[in-house]
Each structure stands twice: as C-alpha cells, then as structure tokens.
C-alpha cells in the first residue's frame, strides 16, 4: 500500500513539473516582450534574446502615454467593447432563454441557421456592410460598429447561454410560478442569478473579441481620432523608418493589462461558465 502511494505521489510530482516547464515555455514570448518594452534600444533584433534588459527603463511606457494618442485609442476601445457587450448580452440572454424553455415552430431550424451563418468568415460581408454604412452615414460611427460586433457575437452568446439554461432544472421555475412570480420576475430574480457564471463568461468573451478586433475597426473607422487599440498598435509599427519595437511592445503590454485584470477577476467562473454551456446543445 505504501509503495503504491509513493508511486502515485511520484507520478503526480513528475506531471506537475512537466506542466510547470510547459507553462514557462509558453510564457517565454510574453517575458521577452516585457523585457523588450523595458529596454533602452530601438530594435528587437539588434541584441540576443534576454528575459531582462541590461538597462531597464520605463521611457517606452511614458512615451506611449504622453507622445502617442494611446488614451484616445483606449477610450474608443472601451466604448465599443462595453457598448457591444451590453447590446449583445441584452439580446442574447432573452433569445437563449426562449430557445431553451419554449418549443415553438422553427426553433431547431433557426438554431441551425445561426450556426451556418457563424461558419462563414466575416470578411465575406465586408463590402455589403460598407455599402450599408455609407448609405446610412454610419462610417466612423460607434453605433454602426457596435451593431456589427453585437450581431457577430450574438450567435456564440445564444448557443453558450442556451446550453447553460438547459442545465437549470425546470422545477425551480415551476416552484417560483406557484409562488406567484411573473415571467419577468422569473427571468430576473430566479434564472439570471443561477446563470451568473455563463453570463459573466460570455460577456467577457464578447469583450475580448471587440478589444482585439482589427479588420472591421480599421475598415469602418477611418479617421485617426477613431482608431481602436488594435488599429493604433498597427500604426505604431507600420512605418519602415519610424518603427520602434520596444515602443510597440510597451503598447502591447498596456493593451493586455485591462483584459488580464478582467480575466483574473472572473477566473472562478471560467470552467463552469464554458463547460456547462456545452452539456446540452
């Protein structure tokens, strides 16, 4: 029995060491980007790879915040991300609940159609959306881009939250109805608190998508004052003669920090919010 326990502990130790080494290997590019952002040079290839610069300095971060319109890019990204999250979640929660609880004609066909629509690459609709935006004067407009983003993420949001709603026992809702709860009270006071993990994780996935999206933001937001963080990062390294990889690395680290903070705040919901949504498709 003791020998078996020792073998079990040895196996777990080796497995944990393997995962630690694997995590460190995957972190090397990120650590190098942090090192490059703190370096005093202007090139990322002029010296050997080092996880800590010889002369560490914060000048690249200061330059990003003072010499570049980083805060303007941040404001644009926050407006688009939060606006999309509110519109997409407000639409997807009610739609997902309806698909989960009600058996109406065409329900299965609509769900399949949504999956088929999601299978096509977004770039196929680029020209049609551009013509519509030009017709309705939505170019360089937050509202137009928020509508496009919300429409793109609604399909994922509906399917993920529908799966989670399917795992909530119907008996809980029936008991609330017996106690006199209306349909609105049932959704707000009973179902939504129980579905909090799925709602939070889905909302963050929508937020991350908009935060990192580049193609639509540069196509439909053509003014320099309307650039998002993704478009701003591209502008930092687009010039062959003014390119500074340490400056670009500092900007990339600053762009990642808000998402990392959000992720660490909701990490306890990640497993239940993503896996439970796939239990009943």
Protein backbone atom coordinates (compact mmCIF):
# COMPACT_ATOMS: atom_id res chain seq x y z
CA UNK A 1 0.00 0.00 0.00
CA UNK A 2 2.84 2.35 0.92
CA UNK A 3 4.71 1.53 -2.30
CA UNK A 4 1.59 2.26 -4.33
CA UNK A 5 1.15 5.61 -2.57
CA UNK A 6 4.79 6.54 -3.22
CA UNK A 7 4.42 5.70 -6.92
CA UNK A 8 1.25 7.78 -7.07
CA UNK A 9 2.95 10.79 -5.46
CA UNK A 10 6.00 10.43 -7.70
CA UNK A 11 3.79 10.36 -10.79
CA UNK A 12 1.92 13.49 -9.67
CA UNK A 13 5.20 15.29 -8.96
CA UNK A 14 6.60 14.47 -12.39
CA UNK A 15 3.35 15.52 -14.05
CA UNK A 16 3.28 18.82 -12.15
CA UNK A 17 6.92 19.52 -13.07
CA UNK A 18 6.10 18.82 -16.71
CA UNK A 19 3.19 21.30 -16.64
CA UNK A 20 5.34 23.93 -14.89
CA UNK A 21 8.03 23.62 -17.57
CA UNK A 22 5.37 23.78 -20.29
CA UNK A 23 3.85 26.93 -18.75
CA UNK A 24 7.28 28.54 -18.55
CA UNK A 25 7.98 27.75 -22.22
CA UNK A 26 4.69 29.32 -23.28
CA UNK A 27 5.47 32.41 -21.19
CA UNK A 28 8.87 33.00 -22.83
CA UNK A 29 7.47 35.17 -25.71
CA UNK A 30 5.49 37.25 -23.20
CA UNK A 31 8.50 37.64 -20.91
CA UNK A 32 10.61 38.66 -23.89
CA UNK A 33 8.00 41.27 -24.87
CA UNK A 34 8.10 42.68 -21.32
CA UNK A 35 11.90 42.73 -21.44
CA UNK A 36 11.86 44.44 -24.83
CA UNK A 37 9.40 47.07 -23.57
CA UNK A 38 11.81 47.93 -20.75
CA UNK A 39 14.91 48.07 -22.96
CA UNK A 40 16.71 51.26 -23.92
CA UNK A 41 17.27 50.40 -27.59
CA UNK A 42 15.07 50.76 -30.65
CA UNK A 43 15.33 47.34 -32.26
CA UNK A 44 14.14 43.94 -31.18
CA UNK A 45 16.78 42.06 -33.19
CA UNK A 46 19.95 44.04 -32.52
CA UNK A 47 20.89 42.00 -29.46
CA UNK A 48 20.45 38.48 -28.16
CA UNK A 49 17.29 37.22 -26.52
CA UNK A 50 17.19 38.23 -22.86
CA UNK A 51 14.38 37.93 -20.34
CA UNK A 52 15.60 41.06 -18.54
CA UNK A 53 17.28 44.08 -20.18
CA UNK A 54 20.65 45.35 -19.00
CA UNK A 55 19.48 48.96 -18.66
CA UNK A 56 15.81 48.73 -17.74
CA UNK A 57 13.83 51.90 -18.28
CA UNK A 58 10.18 52.98 -18.29
CA UNK A 59 10.68 55.55 -21.07
CA UNK A 60 8.78 53.46 -23.63
CA UNK A 61 5.71 53.36 -21.40
CA UNK A 62 5.96 57.08 -20.74
CA UNK A 63 6.32 57.77 -24.46
CA UNK A 64 3.24 55.70 -25.27
CA UNK A 65 1.11 57.54 -22.73
CA UNK A 66 2.40 61.04 -23.47
CA UNK A 67 3.61 61.14 -27.09
CA UNK A 68 1.05 58.82 -28.71
CA UNK A 69 -2.78 59.08 -28.54
CA UNK A 70 -2.94 55.87 -26.54
CA UNK A 71 -5.61 57.14 -24.13
CA UNK A 72 -7.79 58.13 -27.11
CA UNK A 73 -7.42 54.64 -28.56
CA UNK A 74 -8.26 53.23 -25.14
CA UNK A 75 -11.41 55.35 -24.91
CA UNK A 76 -12.58 54.21 -28.35
CA UNK A 77 -11.98 50.54 -27.48
CA UNK A 78 -13.79 50.86 -24.15
CA UNK A 79 -16.83 52.50 -25.79
CA UNK A 80 -17.03 49.83 -28.50
CA UNK A 81 -16.39 46.92 -26.11
CA UNK A 82 -18.84 47.96 -23.41
CA UNK A 83 -21.49 49.06 -25.93
CA UNK A 84 -21.23 45.77 -27.81
CA UNK A 85 -21.33 43.75 -24.61
CA UNK A 86 -24.50 45.49 -23.41
CA UNK A 87 -26.30 45.16 -26.76
CA UNK A 88 -25.17 41.59 -27.47
CA UNK A 89 -25.91 40.29 -23.97
CA UNK A 90 -29.23 42.10 -23.72
CA UNK A 91 -30.34 40.42 -26.94
CA UNK A 92 -28.72 37.03 -26.42
CA UNK A 93 -29.95 36.38 -22.85
CA UNK A 94 -33.63 36.67 -23.77
CA UNK A 95 -33.14 34.75 -27.04
CA UNK A 96 -31.17 31.96 -25.33
CA UNK A 97 -33.82 31.61 -22.62
CA UNK A 98 -36.57 31.43 -25.23
CA UNK A 99 -34.71 28.76 -27.23
CA UNK A 100 -34.07 26.78 -24.05
CA UNK A 101 -37.53 26.86 -22.46
CA UNK A 102 -40.05 27.20 -25.30
CA UNK A 103 -40.78 24.69 -28.06
CA UNK A 104 -42.05 26.80 -30.93
CA UNK A 105 -42.29 26.07 -34.66
CA UNK A 106 -38.99 26.57 -36.48
CA UNK A 107 -36.91 26.56 -33.26
CA UNK A 108 -34.48 23.86 -34.41
CA UNK A 109 -34.20 25.37 -37.89
CA UNK A 110 -33.35 28.83 -36.53
CA UNK A 111 -30.64 27.40 -34.27
CA UNK A 112 -29.10 25.50 -37.18
CA UNK A 113 -29.29 28.59 -39.40
CA UNK A 114 -27.43 30.60 -36.77
CA UNK A 115 -24.64 28.01 -36.75
CA UNK A 116 -24.43 28.08 -40.55
CA UNK A 117 -24.22 31.88 -40.54
CA UNK A 118 -21.44 31.71 -37.96
CA UNK A 119 -19.48 29.31 -40.17
CA UNK A 120 -18.92 31.91 -42.90
CA UNK A 121 -15.93 34.25 -42.49
CA UNK A 122 -16.84 37.82 -41.63
CA UNK A 123 -14.82 39.26 -44.47
CA UNK A 124 -17.45 37.94 -46.95
CA UNK A 125 -19.92 40.53 -45.65
CA UNK A 126 -17.39 43.38 -45.60
CA UNK A 127 -18.43 45.02 -48.89
CA UNK A 128 -22.18 44.76 -48.21
CA UNK A 129 -21.78 46.25 -44.71
CA UNK A 130 -19.59 49.05 -46.08
CA UNK A 131 -22.28 49.98 -48.64
CA UNK A 132 -24.96 49.96 -45.94
CA UNK A 133 -22.81 52.09 -43.64
CA UNK A 134 -22.16 54.57 -46.43
CA UNK A 135 -25.87 54.75 -47.29
CA UNK A 136 -26.98 55.34 -43.70
CA UNK A 137 -23.99 57.57 -42.79
CA UNK A 138 -22.61 55.15 -40.20
CA UNK A 139 -18.96 55.28 -41.25
CA UNK A 140 -16.69 56.49 -38.42
CA UNK A 141 -19.62 55.87 -36.07
CA UNK A 142 -19.59 53.95 -32.82
CA UNK A 143 -23.21 52.90 -33.29
CA UNK A 144 -22.65 51.20 -36.65
CA UNK A 145 -19.64 49.22 -35.48
CA UNK A 146 -21.37 48.21 -32.24
CA UNK A 147 -24.29 46.83 -34.26
CA UNK A 148 -21.91 44.77 -36.43
CA UNK A 149 -19.97 43.46 -33.43
CA UNK A 150 -23.14 42.63 -31.50
CA UNK A 151 -24.56 40.77 -34.47
CA UNK A 152 -21.32 38.80 -34.86
CA UNK A 153 -21.18 37.75 -31.20
CA UNK A 154 -24.89 37.11 -30.64
CA UNK A 155 -24.67 33.63 -32.18
CA UNK A 156 -21.92 32.47 -29.81
CA UNK A 157 -23.69 34.12 -26.88
CA UNK A 158 -27.03 32.49 -27.65
CA UNK A 159 -25.60 29.00 -28.05
CA UNK A 160 -23.36 29.17 -24.98
CA UNK A 161 -26.08 30.51 -22.66
CA UNK A 162 -28.78 28.25 -24.11
CA UNK A 163 -26.70 25.26 -23.07
CA UNK A 164 -26.38 26.65 -19.58
CA UNK A 165 -30.09 27.44 -19.31
CA UNK A 166 -30.77 23.82 -20.32
CA UNK A 167 -28.89 22.64 -17.20
CA UNK A 168 -31.11 24.66 -14.83
CA UNK A 169 -33.93 22.42 -13.55
CA UNK A 170 -37.36 23.47 -14.77
CA UNK A 171 -38.78 22.53 -11.35
CA UNK A 172 -37.15 25.64 -9.84
CA UNK A 173 -39.07 27.87 -12.23
CA UNK A 174 -42.30 25.93 -11.68
CA UNK A 175 -41.96 26.45 -7.93
CA UNK A 176 -41.46 30.18 -8.48
CA UNK A 177 -44.56 30.34 -10.67
CA UNK A 178 -46.59 28.62 -7.96
CA UNK A 179 -45.40 31.33 -5.56
CA UNK A 180 -46.82 33.94 -7.93
CA UNK A 181 -43.75 35.06 -9.88
CA UNK A 182 -44.41 36.64 -13.27
CA UNK A 183 -42.38 35.80 -16.39
CA UNK A 184 -40.21 38.91 -15.92
CA UNK A 185 -39.61 38.20 -12.23
CA UNK A 186 -38.85 34.58 -13.06
CA UNK A 187 -36.14 35.56 -15.52
CA UNK A 188 -34.59 38.38 -13.48
CA UNK A 189 -34.82 37.01 -9.93
CA UNK A 190 -34.54 33.25 -10.48
CA UNK A 191 -32.92 32.31 -13.78
CA UNK A 192 -30.30 35.06 -14.18
CA UNK A 193 -28.76 34.59 -10.70
CA UNK A 194 -28.47 30.85 -11.36
CA UNK A 195 -26.92 31.50 -14.80
CA UNK A 196 -24.42 34.08 -13.49
CA UNK A 197 -21.28 32.05 -14.45
CA UNK A 198 -22.41 31.65 -18.07
CA UNK A 199 -23.50 35.28 -18.35
CA UNK A 200 -20.22 36.62 -16.94
CA UNK A 201 -18.01 34.38 -19.07
CA UNK A 202 -19.99 35.05 -22.24
CA UNK A 203 -19.89 38.81 -21.61
CA UNK A 204 -16.10 38.68 -21.14
CA UNK A 205 -15.68 36.65 -24.35
CA UNK A 206 -17.61 39.34 -26.20
CA UNK A 207 -15.45 41.99 -24.55
CA UNK A 208 -12.22 40.25 -25.55
CA UNK A 209 -13.39 39.80 -29.16
CA UNK A 210 -14.12 43.51 -29.59
CA UNK A 211 -10.96 44.53 -27.71
CA UNK A 212 -8.75 42.58 -30.11
CA UNK A 213 -10.73 43.04 -33.34
CA UNK A 214 -8.77 44.78 -36.08
CA UNK A 215 -10.33 44.24 -39.53
CA UNK A 216 -13.72 45.92 -39.05
CA UNK A 217 -12.37 48.68 -36.83
CA UNK A 218 -9.85 49.82 -39.45
CA UNK A 219 -12.34 49.46 -42.33
CA UNK A 220 -15.27 51.35 -40.84
CA UNK A 221 -13.39 53.75 -38.51
CA UNK A 222 -11.12 55.53 -40.96
CA UNK A 223 -10.29 58.71 -39.03
CA UNK A 224 -7.16 58.76 -36.88
CA UNK A 225 -9.24 60.03 -33.96
CA UNK A 226 -11.48 56.95 -34.12
CA UNK A 227 -8.73 54.29 -34.05
CA UNK A 228 -9.11 51.50 -31.54
CA UNK A 229 -6.21 49.94 -29.64
CA UNK A 230 -5.74 47.23 -32.29
CA UNK A 231 -5.61 49.82 -35.08
CA UNK A 232 -3.32 52.05 -33.01
CA UNK A 233 -0.88 49.20 -32.43
CA UNK A 234 -0.67 48.62 -36.16
CA UNK A 235 0.06 52.30 -36.76
CA UNK A 236 2.98 52.14 -34.32
CA UNK A 237 4.86 49.59 -36.41
CA UNK A 238 3.57 50.34 -39.92
CA UNK A 239 6.37 52.77 -40.84
CA UNK A 240 9.65 51.25 -42.01
CA UNK A 241 11.78 54.14 -40.74
CA UNK A 242 9.94 55.16 -37.57
CA UNK A 243 9.33 51.63 -36.29
CA UNK A 244 10.33 51.00 -32.69
CA UNK A 245 9.75 47.50 -31.39
CA UNK A 246 10.35 48.43 -27.72
CA UNK A 247 7.69 51.13 -28.06
CA UNK A 248 5.36 48.67 -29.77
CA UNK A 249 5.99 46.07 -27.03
CA UNK A 250 5.20 48.61 -24.32
CA UNK A 251 1.93 49.48 -26.05
CA UNK A 252 1.05 45.78 -26.45
CA UNK A 253 1.65 45.18 -22.73
CA UNK A 254 -0.55 48.15 -21.81
CA UNK A 255 -3.29 46.89 -24.14
CA UNK A 256 -3.19 43.45 -22.47
CA UNK A 257 -3.34 44.67 -18.86
CA UNK A 258 -7.10 45.55 -18.74
CA UNK A 259 -8.08 42.17 -20.21
CA UNK A 260 -5.78 40.35 -17.79
CA UNK A 261 -7.36 42.17 -14.86
CA UNK A 262 -10.85 41.25 -16.07
CA UNK A 263 -9.79 37.63 -16.60
CA UNK A 264 -8.33 37.25 -13.11
CA UNK A 265 -11.49 38.76 -11.62
CA UNK A 266 -13.77 36.22 -13.31
CA UNK A 267 -11.49 33.16 -13.47
CA UNK A 268 -13.56 31.27 -10.87
CA UNK A 269 -16.47 31.35 -13.33
CA UNK A 270 -14.47 30.26 -16.39
CA UNK A 271 -14.73 26.47 -16.05
CA UNK A 272 -18.41 26.29 -15.09
CA UNK A 273 -19.41 29.06 -17.48
CA UNK A 274 -17.81 27.46 -20.55
CA UNK A 275 -18.16 23.71 -19.90
CA UNK A 276 -21.73 23.72 -18.55
CA UNK A 277 -22.87 25.55 -21.67
CA UNK A 278 -21.87 22.55 -23.78
CA UNK A 279 -23.66 19.89 -21.73
CA UNK A 280 -26.97 20.14 -23.59
CA UNK A 281 -26.67 21.56 -27.11
